[in-house]
């Protein structure tokens, strides 16, 4: 797993918003739950909302490296969100070692 992805996942799990945003490029984009968040300020806001909206646990299912500049990380989430469980794929394209985009979808 690329270092930037590992740093993002570790910080996000720990609730460290600044640490979770740090591995993104300044103009990165996150797509999650029908919304798109462009730039570090919007990504930091998104991280803050997602960390307080629901209580959940995320279990890393695996990681697939697709060359030097792409990684997909499947995770199993359980929590108090509608449906209670979901399998999500976190897709990370990288640019010069940083996350340029994060797409989260089933």
C-alpha atoms as a PDB file:
ATOM      1  CA  UNK A   1       0.000   0.000   0.000  1.00  0.00           C
ATOM      2  CA  UNK A   2       1.435   3.434  -0.879  1.00  0.00           C
ATOM      3  CA  UNK A   3       2.654   5.519   2.066  1.00  0.00           C
ATOM      4  CA  UNK A   4       0.152   8.350   1.409  1.00  0.00           C
ATOM      5  CA  UNK A   5      -2.770   5.904   1.526  1.00  0.00           C
ATOM      6  CA  UNK A   6      -1.449   4.277   4.695  1.00  0.00           C
ATOM      7  CA  UNK A   7      -1.048   7.721   6.338  1.00  0.00           C
ATOM      8  CA  UNK A   8      -4.575   8.761   5.322  1.00  0.00           C
ATOM      9  CA  UNK A   9      -6.163   5.562   6.665  1.00  0.00           C
ATOM     10  CA  UNK A  10      -4.223   5.675   9.931  1.00  0.00           C
ATOM     11  CA  UNK A  11      -5.060   9.340  10.596  1.00  0.00           C
ATOM     12  CA  UNK A  12      -8.700   8.939   9.567  1.00  0.00           C
ATOM     13  CA  UNK A  13      -9.132   5.984  11.928  1.00  0.00           C
ATOM     14  CA  UNK A  14      -7.540   8.011  14.744  1.00  0.00           C
ATOM     15  CA  UNK A  15      -9.851  10.992  14.108  1.00  0.00           C
ATOM     16  CA  UNK A  16      -6.886  13.194  13.127  1.00  0.00           C
ATOM     17  CA  UNK A  17      -8.463  15.492  10.500  1.00  0.00           C
ATOM     18  CA  UNK A  18      -5.285  17.426   9.717  1.00  0.00           C
ATOM     19  CA  UNK A  19      -3.292  14.214   9.448  1.00  0.00           C
ATOM     20  CA  UNK A  20      -5.935  12.638   7.190  1.00  0.00           C
ATOM     21  CA  UNK A  21      -5.932  15.667   4.866  1.00  0.00           C
ATOM     22  CA  UNK A  22      -2.119  15.969   4.743  1.00  0.00           C
ATOM     23  CA  UNK A  23      -1.459  13.189   2.160  1.00  0.00           C
ATOM     24  CA  UNK A  24      -3.729  14.858  -0.441  1.00  0.00           C
ATOM     25  CA  UNK A  25      -2.526  17.149  -3.230  1.00  0.00           C
ATOM     26  CA  UNK A  26      -3.715  20.777  -2.851  1.00  0.00           C
ATOM     27  CA  UNK A  27      -6.273  20.354  -5.670  1.00  0.00           C
ATOM     28  CA  UNK A  28      -7.373  16.800  -4.804  1.00  0.00           C
ATOM     29  CA  UNK A  29     -10.969  15.657  -5.168  1.00  0.00           C
ATOM     30  CA  UNK A  30     -13.002  13.318  -2.952  1.00  0.00           C
ATOM     31  CA  UNK A  31     -16.219  11.717  -4.192  1.00  0.00           C
ATOM     32  CA  UNK A  32     -18.351  10.104  -1.483  1.00  0.00           C
ATOM     33  CA  UNK A  33     -22.062   9.429  -0.999  1.00  0.00           C
ATOM     34  CA  UNK A  34     -23.081  11.432  -4.066  1.00  0.00           C
ATOM     35  CA  UNK A  35     -21.011  14.505  -3.197  1.00  0.00           C
ATOM     36  CA  UNK A  36     -17.768  15.863  -4.619  1.00  0.00           C
ATOM     37  CA  UNK A  37     -15.287  17.811  -2.492  1.00  0.00           C
ATOM     38  CA  UNK A  38     -12.507  19.725  -4.301  1.00  0.00           C
ATOM     39  CA  UNK A  39      -9.372  21.104  -2.599  1.00  0.00           C
ATOM     40  CA  UNK A  40      -7.886  20.665   0.862  1.00  0.00           C
ATOM     41  CA  UNK A  41     -10.328  22.998   2.617  1.00  0.00           C
ATOM     42  CA  UNK A  42     -13.373  21.143   1.241  1.00  0.00           C
ATOM     43  CA  UNK A  43     -11.746  17.770   1.972  1.00  0.00           C
ATOM     44  CA  UNK A  44     -11.017  18.805   5.565  1.00  0.00           C
ATOM     45  CA  UNK A  45     -14.659  19.933   5.945  1.00  0.00           C
ATOM     46  CA  UNK A  46     -15.832  16.601   4.493  1.00  0.00           C
ATOM     47  CA  UNK A  47     -13.582  14.696   6.908  1.00  0.00           C
ATOM     48  CA  UNK A  48     -15.045  16.660   9.823  1.00  0.00           C
ATOM     49  CA  UNK A  49     -18.623  15.925   8.769  1.00  0.00           C
ATOM     50  CA  UNK A  50     -18.057  12.222   8.107  1.00  0.00           C
ATOM     51  CA  UNK A  51     -16.317  11.742  11.442  1.00  0.00           C
ATOM     52  CA  UNK A  52     -19.329  13.052  13.393  1.00  0.00           C
ATOM     53  CA  UNK A  53     -22.311  12.092  11.225  1.00  0.00           C
ATOM     54  CA  UNK A  54     -22.325   8.399  12.168  1.00  0.00           C
ATOM     55  CA  UNK A  55     -20.550   6.101  14.571  1.00  0.00           C
ATOM     56  CA  UNK A  56     -18.951   3.178  12.767  1.00  0.00           C
ATOM     57  CA  UNK A  57     -16.016   0.833  12.609  1.00  0.00           C
ATOM     58  CA  UNK A  58     -14.078   0.168   9.426  1.00  0.00           C
ATOM     59  CA  UNK A  59     -12.279  -3.105   8.871  1.00  0.00           C
ATOM     60  CA  UNK A  60      -9.616  -3.241   6.203  1.00  0.00           C
ATOM     61  CA  UNK A  61     -10.436  -6.140   3.879  1.00  0.00           C
ATOM     62  CA  UNK A  62      -7.335  -5.849   1.720  1.00  0.00           C
ATOM     63  CA  UNK A  63      -5.448  -3.594  -0.648  1.00  0.00           C
ATOM     64  CA  UNK A  64      -4.767  -3.818  -4.345  1.00  0.00           C
ATOM     65  CA  UNK A  65      -1.919  -1.834  -5.817  1.00  0.00           C
ATOM     66  CA  UNK A  66      -2.480  -1.034  -9.485  1.00  0.00           C
ATOM     67  CA  UNK A  67       0.906   0.196 -10.644  1.00  0.00           C
ATOM     68  CA  UNK A  68       2.817   3.000  -8.977  1.00  0.00           C
ATOM     69  CA  UNK A  69      -0.024   5.508  -9.087  1.00  0.00           C
ATOM     70  CA  UNK A  70      -3.232   3.664  -8.092  1.00  0.00           C
ATOM     71  CA  UNK A  71      -4.489   1.700  -5.119  1.00  0.00           C
ATOM     72  CA  UNK A  72      -7.895   0.293  -4.158  1.00  0.00           C
ATOM     73  CA  UNK A  73      -8.663  -0.456  -0.522  1.00  0.00           C
ATOM     74  CA  UNK A  74     -11.839  -2.441   0.210  1.00  0.00           C
ATOM     75  CA  UNK A  75     -13.271  -1.884   3.703  1.00  0.00           C
ATOM     76  CA  UNK A  76     -16.174  -3.354   5.643  1.00  0.00           C
ATOM     77  CA  UNK A  77     -18.081  -0.722   7.655  1.00  0.00           C
ATOM     78  CA  UNK A  78     -20.511  -1.412  10.503  1.00  0.00           C
ATOM     79  CA  UNK A  79     -22.339   1.310  12.371  1.00  0.00           C
ATOM     80  CA  UNK A  80     -25.452   3.358  13.019  1.00  0.00           C
ATOM     81  CA  UNK A  81     -25.874   4.548   9.421  1.00  0.00           C
ATOM     82  CA  UNK A  82     -28.843   3.370   7.301  1.00  0.00           C
ATOM     83  CA  UNK A  83     -28.452  -0.353   6.598  1.00  0.00           C
ATOM     84  CA  UNK A  84     -25.876  -0.840   9.358  1.00  0.00           C
ATOM     85  CA  UNK A  85     -23.226  -2.551   7.197  1.00  0.00           C
ATOM     86  CA  UNK A  86     -21.625  -1.840   3.845  1.00  0.00           C
ATOM     87  CA  UNK A  87     -18.654  -2.941   1.791  1.00  0.00           C
ATOM     88  CA  UNK A  88     -16.901   0.096   0.285  1.00  0.00           C
ATOM     89  CA  UNK A  89     -14.004   0.438  -2.119  1.00  0.00           C
ATOM     90  CA  UNK A  90     -11.693   3.383  -1.534  1.00  0.00           C
ATOM     91  CA  UNK A  91      -9.969   4.131  -4.854  1.00  0.00           C
ATOM     92  CA  UNK A  92      -6.833   6.256  -4.621  1.00  0.00           C
ATOM     93  CA  UNK A  93      -5.121   7.648  -7.739  1.00  0.00           C
ATOM     94  CA  UNK A  94      -1.785   9.217  -6.751  1.00  0.00           C
ATOM     95  CA  UNK A  95       0.234  12.108  -8.145  1.00  0.00           C
ATOM     96  CA  UNK A  96       3.917  12.252  -7.176  1.00  0.00           C
ATOM     97  CA  UNK A  97       3.276  10.145  -4.095  1.00  0.00           C
ATOM     98  CA  UNK A  98       0.254  12.119  -2.850  1.00  0.00           C
ATOM     99  CA  UNK A  99      -3.461  11.320  -3.137  1.00  0.00           C
ATOM    100  CA  UNK A 100      -4.916  13.251  -6.070  1.00  0.00           C
ATOM    101  CA  UNK A 101      -8.371  11.734  -5.851  1.00  0.00           C
ATOM    102  CA  UNK A 102     -10.381   9.494  -3.536  1.00  0.00           C
ATOM    103  CA  UNK A 103     -13.502   7.794  -4.825  1.00  0.00           C
ATOM    104  CA  UNK A 104     -15.548   5.902  -2.249  1.00  0.00           C
ATOM    105  CA  UNK A 105     -18.236   3.577  -3.587  1.00  0.00           C
ATOM    106  CA  UNK A 106     -19.650   0.080  -3.085  1.00  0.00           C
END
